[in-house]
């Protein structure tokens, strides 16, 4: 199976009715219903902007772990 997701919106982006949040590509039609449900459940739309959460939390190197 070949598949991929293109995220059209990031955390904190404004969303209007009808906006695409993500586009899912696959070569298997039989997985579409499950993928649609799982992708839909991965998003939460709210009128309150979420608190910023950094992508990188820590740096790990030969000296150990340190906060970013």
PDB file of N, CA and C in Angstrom:
ATOM      1  N   UNK A   1       0.842  -1.178   0.000  1.00  0.00           N
ATOM      2  CA  UNK A   1       0.000   0.000   0.000  1.00  0.00           C
ATOM      3  C   UNK A   1       0.885   1.238   0.000  1.00  0.00           C
ATOM      4  N   UNK A   2       0.488   2.214  -0.760  1.00  0.00           N
ATOM      5  CA  UNK A   2       1.138   3.517  -0.758  1.00  0.00           C
ATOM      6  C   UNK A   2       0.129   4.515  -0.209  1.00  0.00           C
ATOM      7  N   UNK A   3       0.599   5.396   0.695  1.00  0.00           N
ATOM      8  CA  UNK A   3      -0.310   6.383   1.273  1.00  0.00           C
ATOM      9  C   UNK A   3       0.490   7.575   1.761  1.00  0.00           C
ATOM     10  N   UNK A   4      -0.189   8.691   1.915  1.00  0.00           N
ATOM     11  CA  UNK A   4       0.440   9.889   2.450  1.00  0.00           C
ATOM     12  C   UNK A   4      -0.613  10.890   2.870  1.00  0.00           C
ATOM     13  N   UNK A   5      -0.218  11.794   3.744  1.00  0.00           N
ATOM     14  CA  UNK A   5      -1.116  12.843   4.216  1.00  0.00           C
ATOM     15  C   UNK A   5      -0.418  14.183   4.043  1.00  0.00           C
ATOM     16  N   UNK A   6      -1.135  15.143   3.480  1.00  0.00           N
ATOM     17  CA  UNK A   6      -0.659  16.521   3.403  1.00  0.00           C
ATOM     18  C   UNK A   6      -1.517  17.324   4.375  1.00  0.00           C
ATOM     19  N   UNK A   7      -0.884  17.869   5.406  1.00  0.00           N
ATOM     20  CA  UNK A   7      -1.614  18.688   6.375  1.00  0.00           C
ATOM     21  C   UNK A   7      -1.752  20.101   5.830  1.00  0.00           C
ATOM     22  N   UNK A   8      -2.972  20.569   5.709  1.00  0.00           N
ATOM     23  CA  UNK A   8      -3.244  21.886   5.142  1.00  0.00           C
ATOM     24  C   UNK A   8      -3.314  22.976   6.214  1.00  0.00           C
ATOM     25  N   UNK A   9      -3.517  22.593   7.459  1.00  0.00           N
ATOM     26  CA  UNK A   9      -3.591  23.540   8.569  1.00  0.00           C
ATOM     27  C   UNK A   9      -2.661  23.086   9.679  1.00  0.00           C
ATOM     28  N   UNK A  10      -2.092  24.066  10.387  1.00  0.00           N
ATOM     29  CA  UNK A  10      -1.223  23.783  11.522  1.00  0.00           C
ATOM     30  C   UNK A  10      -1.952  24.146  12.814  1.00  0.00           C
ATOM     31  N   UNK A  11      -1.436  23.674  13.931  1.00  0.00           N
ATOM     32  CA  UNK A  11      -2.007  24.013  15.232  1.00  0.00           C
ATOM     33  C   UNK A  11      -2.064  25.531  15.365  1.00  0.00           C
ATOM     34  N   UNK A  12      -3.240  26.049  15.711  1.00  0.00           N
ATOM     35  CA  UNK A  12      -3.413  27.488  15.904  1.00  0.00           C
ATOM     36  C   UNK A  12      -3.875  28.244  14.680  1.00  0.00           C
ATOM     37  N   UNK A  13      -3.868  27.610  13.497  1.00  0.00           N
ATOM     38  CA  UNK A  13      -4.341  28.278  12.283  1.00  0.00           C
ATOM     39  C   UNK A  13      -5.843  28.519  12.368  1.00  0.00           C
ATOM     40  N   UNK A  14      -6.291  29.615  11.773  1.00  0.00           N
ATOM     41  CA  UNK A  14      -7.723  29.880  11.667  1.00  0.00           C
ATOM     42  C   UNK A  14      -8.333  28.900  10.668  1.00  0.00           C
ATOM     43  N   UNK A  15      -9.551  28.472  10.963  1.00  0.00           N
ATOM     44  CA  UNK A  15     -10.261  27.519  10.105  1.00  0.00           C
ATOM     45  C   UNK A  15     -11.658  28.054   9.836  1.00  0.00           C
ATOM     46  N   UNK A  16     -12.046  28.045   8.573  1.00  0.00           N
ATOM     47  CA  UNK A  16     -13.396  28.440   8.188  1.00  0.00           C
ATOM     48  C   UNK A  16     -14.173  27.210   7.743  1.00  0.00           C
ATOM     49  N   UNK A  17     -15.481  27.287   7.798  1.00  0.00           N
ATOM     50  CA  UNK A  17     -16.326  26.193   7.335  1.00  0.00           C
ATOM     51  C   UNK A  17     -15.961  25.873   5.893  1.00  0.00           C
ATOM     52  N   UNK A  18     -15.744  24.597   5.616  1.00  0.00           N
ATOM     53  CA  UNK A  18     -15.403  24.159   4.272  1.00  0.00           C
ATOM     54  C   UNK A  18     -13.911  24.045   4.006  1.00  0.00           C
ATOM     55  N   UNK A  19     -13.083  24.543   4.937  1.00  0.00           N
ATOM     56  CA  UNK A  19     -11.631  24.427   4.756  1.00  0.00           C
ATOM     57  C   UNK A  19     -11.191  22.973   4.839  1.00  0.00           C
ATOM     58  N   UNK A  20     -10.220  22.609   4.038  1.00  0.00           N
ATOM     59  CA  UNK A  20      -9.602  21.286   4.133  1.00  0.00           C
ATOM     60  C   UNK A  20      -8.528  21.339   5.210  1.00  0.00           C
ATOM     61  N   UNK A  21      -8.558  20.392   6.122  1.00  0.00           N
ATOM     62  CA  UNK A  21      -7.536  20.309   7.165  1.00  0.00           C
ATOM     63  C   UNK A  21      -6.388  19.427   6.712  1.00  0.00           C
ATOM     64  N   UNK A  22      -6.714  18.415   5.927  1.00  0.00           N
ATOM     65  CA  UNK A  22      -5.696  17.483   5.454  1.00  0.00           C
ATOM     66  C   UNK A  22      -6.190  16.816   4.177  1.00  0.00           C
ATOM     67  N   UNK A  23      -5.234  16.354   3.385  1.00  0.00           N
ATOM     68  CA  UNK A  23      -5.563  15.567   2.195  1.00  0.00           C
ATOM     69  C   UNK A  23      -4.859  14.222   2.341  1.00  0.00           C
ATOM     70  N   UNK A  24      -5.627  13.162   2.193  1.00  0.00           N
ATOM     71  CA  UNK A  24      -5.105  11.806   2.334  1.00  0.00           C
ATOM     72  C   UNK A  24      -5.030  11.162   0.961  1.00  0.00           C
ATOM     73  N   UNK A  25      -3.879  10.602   0.650  1.00  0.00           N
ATOM     74  CA  UNK A  25      -3.673   9.912  -0.620  1.00  0.00           C
ATOM     75  C   UNK A  25      -3.423   8.430  -0.349  1.00  0.00           C
ATOM     76  N   UNK A  26      -4.024   7.577  -1.158  1.00  0.00           N
ATOM     77  CA  UNK A  26      -3.791   6.139  -1.044  1.00  0.00           C
ATOM     78  C   UNK A  26      -4.097   5.464  -2.375  1.00  0.00           C
ATOM     79  N   UNK A  27      -3.530   4.292  -2.537  1.00  0.00           N
ATOM     80  CA  UNK A  27      -3.834   3.503  -3.730  1.00  0.00           C
ATOM     81  C   UNK A  27      -4.832   2.390  -3.411  1.00  0.00           C
ATOM     82  N   UNK A  28      -5.411   2.434  -2.193  1.00  0.00           N
ATOM     83  CA  UNK A  28      -6.382   1.407  -1.791  1.00  0.00           C
ATOM     84  C   UNK A  28      -7.679   2.058  -1.309  1.00  0.00           C
ATOM     85  N   UNK A  29      -8.692   1.921  -2.091  1.00  0.00           N
ATOM     86  CA  UNK A  29      -9.979   2.516  -1.761  1.00  0.00           C
ATOM     87  C   UNK A  29     -10.607   1.910  -0.511  1.00  0.00           C
ATOM     88  N   UNK A  30     -10.272   0.657  -0.187  1.00  0.00           N
ATOM     89  CA  UNK A  30     -10.886  -0.017   0.957  1.00  0.00           C
ATOM     90  C   UNK A  30     -10.452   0.558   2.308  1.00  0.00           C
ATOM     91  N   UNK A  31      -9.433   1.408   2.352  1.00  0.00           N
ATOM     92  CA  UNK A  31      -8.980   1.993   3.623  1.00  0.00           C
ATOM     93  C   UNK A  31      -9.519   3.403   3.846  1.00  0.00           C
ATOM     94  N   UNK A  32     -10.239   3.946   2.882  1.00  0.00           N
ATOM     95  CA  UNK A  32     -10.679   5.334   2.964  1.00  0.00           C
ATOM     96  C   UNK A  32     -11.582   5.625   4.156  1.00  0.00           C
ATOM     97  N   UNK A  33     -12.552   4.776   4.428  1.00  0.00           N
ATOM     98  CA  UNK A  33     -13.478   5.038   5.537  1.00  0.00           C
ATOM     99  C   UNK A  33     -12.735   5.059   6.871  1.00  0.00           C
ATOM    100  N   UNK A  34     -11.868   4.092   7.096  1.00  0.00           N
ATOM    101  CA  UNK A  34     -11.095   4.043   8.341  1.00  0.00           C
ATOM    102  C   UNK A  34     -10.153   5.235   8.434  1.00  0.00           C
ATOM    103  N   UNK A  35      -9.476   5.555   7.352  1.00  0.00           N
ATOM    104  CA  UNK A  35      -8.551   6.691   7.344  1.00  0.00           C
ATOM    105  C   UNK A  35      -9.294   7.995   7.605  1.00  0.00           C
ATOM    106  N   UNK A  36     -10.443   8.177   6.987  1.00  0.00           N
ATOM    107  CA  UNK A  36     -11.236   9.396   7.185  1.00  0.00           C
ATOM    108  C   UNK A  36     -11.608   9.556   8.657  1.00  0.00           C
ATOM    109  N   UNK A  37     -12.032   8.483   9.274  1.00  0.00           N
ATOM    110  CA  UNK A  37     -12.426   8.532  10.686  1.00  0.00           C
ATOM    111  C   UNK A  37     -11.224   8.851  11.577  1.00  0.00           C
ATOM    112  N   UNK A  38     -10.103   8.176  11.335  1.00  0.00           N
ATOM    113  CA  UNK A  38      -8.909   8.379  12.159  1.00  0.00           C
ATOM    114  C   UNK A  38      -8.340   9.790  11.993  1.00  0.00           C
ATOM    115  N   UNK A  39      -8.307  10.285  10.762  1.00  0.00           N
ATOM    116  CA  UNK A  39      -7.800  11.635  10.521  1.00  0.00           C
ATOM    117  C   UNK A  39      -8.733  12.670  11.150  1.00  0.00           C
ATOM    118  N   UNK A  40     -10.030  12.471  10.992  1.00  0.00           N
ATOM    119  CA  UNK A  40     -11.001  13.389  11.581  1.00  0.00           C
ATOM    120  C   UNK A  40     -10.859  13.457  13.096  1.00  0.00           C
ATOM    121  N   UNK A  41     -10.632  12.325  13.733  1.00  0.00           N
ATOM    122  CA  UNK A  41     -10.473  12.286  15.193  1.00  0.00           C
ATOM    123  C   UNK A  41      -9.148  12.886  15.656  1.00  0.00           C
ATOM    124  N   UNK A  42      -8.215  13.105  14.747  1.00  0.00           N
ATOM    125  CA  UNK A  42      -6.911  13.666  15.110  1.00  0.00           C
ATOM    126  C   UNK A  42      -6.967  15.190  15.254  1.00  0.00           C
ATOM    127  N   UNK A  43      -8.043  15.810  14.795  1.00  0.00           N
ATOM    128  CA  UNK A  43      -8.181  17.265  14.850  1.00  0.00           C
ATOM    129  C   UNK A  43      -9.192  17.680  15.904  1.00  0.00           C
ATOM    130  N   UNK A  44      -8.942  18.836  16.516  1.00  0.00           N
ATOM    131  CA  UNK A  44      -9.900  19.450  17.432  1.00  0.00           C
ATOM    132  C   UNK A  44     -10.020  20.905  17.010  1.00  0.00           C
ATOM    133  N   UNK A  45     -11.231  21.331  16.695  1.00  0.00           N
ATOM    134  CA  UNK A  45     -11.472  22.707  16.287  1.00  0.00           C
ATOM    135  C   UNK A  45     -12.144  23.427  17.448  1.00  0.00           C
ATOM    136  N   UNK A  46     -11.590  24.581  17.802  1.00  0.00           N
ATOM    137  CA  UNK A  46     -12.083  25.332  18.956  1.00  0.00           C
ATOM    138  C   UNK A  46     -12.006  26.822  18.658  1.00  0.00           C
ATOM    139  N   UNK A  47     -12.816  27.592  19.355  1.00  0.00           N
ATOM    140  CA  UNK A  47     -12.756  29.047  19.213  1.00  0.00           C
ATOM    141  C   UNK A  47     -11.624  29.641  20.047  1.00  0.00           C
ATOM    142  N   UNK A  48     -11.024  28.823  20.892  1.00  0.00           N
ATOM    143  CA  UNK A  48      -9.919  29.266  21.750  1.00  0.00           C
ATOM    144  C   UNK A  48      -8.598  28.809  21.134  1.00  0.00           C
ATOM    145  N   UNK A  49      -7.681  29.752  20.905  1.00  0.00           N
ATOM    146  CA  UNK A  49      -6.384  29.410  20.341  1.00  0.00           C
ATOM    147  C   UNK A  49      -5.599  28.587  21.370  1.00  0.00           C
ATOM    148  N   UNK A  50      -5.007  27.474  20.944  1.00  0.00           N
ATOM    149  CA  UNK A  50      -4.296  26.613  21.896  1.00  0.00           C
ATOM    150  C   UNK A  50      -2.999  27.260  22.390  1.00  0.00           C
ATOM    151  N   UNK A  51      -2.574  26.810  23.553  1.00  0.00           N
ATOM    152  CA  UNK A  51      -1.301  27.258  24.106  1.00  0.00           C
ATOM    153  C   UNK A  51      -0.172  26.742  23.212  1.00  0.00           C
ATOM    154  N   UNK A  52       0.830  27.573  22.998  1.00  0.00           N
ATOM    155  CA  UNK A  52       1.967  27.191  22.171  1.00  0.00           C
ATOM    156  C   UNK A  52       2.717  26.028  22.811  1.00  0.00           C
ATOM    157  N   UNK A  53       2.996  25.014  22.021  1.00  0.00           N
ATOM    158  CA  UNK A  53       3.789  23.880  22.483  1.00  0.00           C
ATOM    159  C   UNK A  53       4.949  23.707  21.517  1.00  0.00           C
ATOM    160  N   UNK A  54       6.177  23.797  22.016  1.00  0.00           N
ATOM    161  CA  UNK A  54       7.324  23.666  21.122  1.00  0.00           C
ATOM    162  C   UNK A  54       7.422  22.267  20.521  1.00  0.00           C
ATOM    163  N   UNK A  55       7.967  22.206  19.322  1.00  0.00           N
ATOM    164  CA  UNK A  55       8.156  20.915  18.658  1.00  0.00           C
ATOM    165  C   UNK A  55       9.333  20.176  19.276  1.00  0.00           C
ATOM    166  N   UNK A  56      10.388  20.911  19.578  1.00  0.00           N
ATOM    167  CA  UNK A  56      11.583  20.304  20.168  1.00  0.00           C
ATOM    168  C   UNK A  56      11.564  20.572  21.668  1.00  0.00           C
ATOM    169  N   UNK A  57      11.605  19.526  22.458  1.00  0.00           N
ATOM    170  CA  UNK A  57      11.566  19.667  23.911  1.00  0.00           C
ATOM    171  C   UNK A  57      12.953  19.598  24.534  1.00  0.00           C
ATOM    172  N   UNK A  58      13.771  18.676  24.060  1.00  0.00           N
ATOM    173  CA  UNK A  58      15.089  18.440  24.634  1.00  0.00           C
ATOM    174  C   UNK A  58      16.110  18.191  23.528  1.00  0.00           C
ATOM    175  N   UNK A  59      17.370  18.359  23.896  1.00  0.00           N
ATOM    176  CA  UNK A  59      18.480  18.026  23.010  1.00  0.00           C
ATOM    177  C   UNK A  59      19.276  16.916  23.683  1.00  0.00           C
ATOM    178  N   UNK A  60      19.527  15.855  22.942  1.00  0.00           N
ATOM    179  CA  UNK A  60      20.298  14.739  23.459  1.00  0.00           C
ATOM    180  C   UNK A  60      21.597  14.665  22.676  1.00  0.00           C
ATOM    181  N   UNK A  61      22.715  14.712  23.400  1.00  0.00           N
ATOM    182  CA  UNK A  61      24.010  14.563  22.753  1.00  0.00           C
ATOM    183  C   UNK A  61      24.924  13.722  23.651  1.00  0.00           C
ATOM    184  N   UNK A  62      26.198  13.691  23.339  1.00  0.00           N
ATOM    185  CA  UNK A  62      27.134  12.845  24.094  1.00  0.00           C
ATOM    186  C   UNK A  62      27.252  13.262  25.557  1.00  0.00           C
ATOM    187  N   UNK A  63      26.825  14.486  25.889  1.00  0.00           N
ATOM    188  CA  UNK A  63      26.891  14.975  27.272  1.00  0.00           C
ATOM    189  C   UNK A  63      25.600  14.735  28.044  1.00  0.00           C
ATOM    190  N   UNK A  64      24.607  14.172  27.389  1.00  0.00           N
ATOM    191  CA  UNK A  64      23.349  13.883  28.072  1.00  0.00           C
ATOM    192  C   UNK A  64      22.190  14.648  27.483  1.00  0.00           C
ATOM    193  N   UNK A  65      21.177  14.879  28.310  1.00  0.00           N
ATOM    194  CA  UNK A  65      19.931  15.544  27.887  1.00  0.00           C
ATOM    195  C   UNK A  65      19.898  16.937  28.471  1.00  0.00           C
ATOM    196  N   UNK A  66      19.548  17.918  27.626  1.00  0.00           N
ATOM    197  CA  UNK A  66      19.357  19.285  28.130  1.00  0.00           C
ATOM    198  C   UNK A  66      18.123  19.885  27.474  1.00  0.00           C
ATOM    199  N   UNK A  67      17.488  20.786  28.187  1.00  0.00           N
ATOM    200  CA  UNK A  67      16.283  21.439  27.667  1.00  0.00           C
ATOM    201  C   UNK A  67      16.631  22.309  26.475  1.00  0.00           C
ATOM    202  N   UNK A  68      15.738  22.401  25.535  1.00  0.00           N
ATOM    203  CA  UNK A  68      15.902  23.198  24.339  1.00  0.00           C
ATOM    204  C   UNK A  68      15.739  24.612  24.734  1.00  0.00           C
TER     205      UNK A  68
END
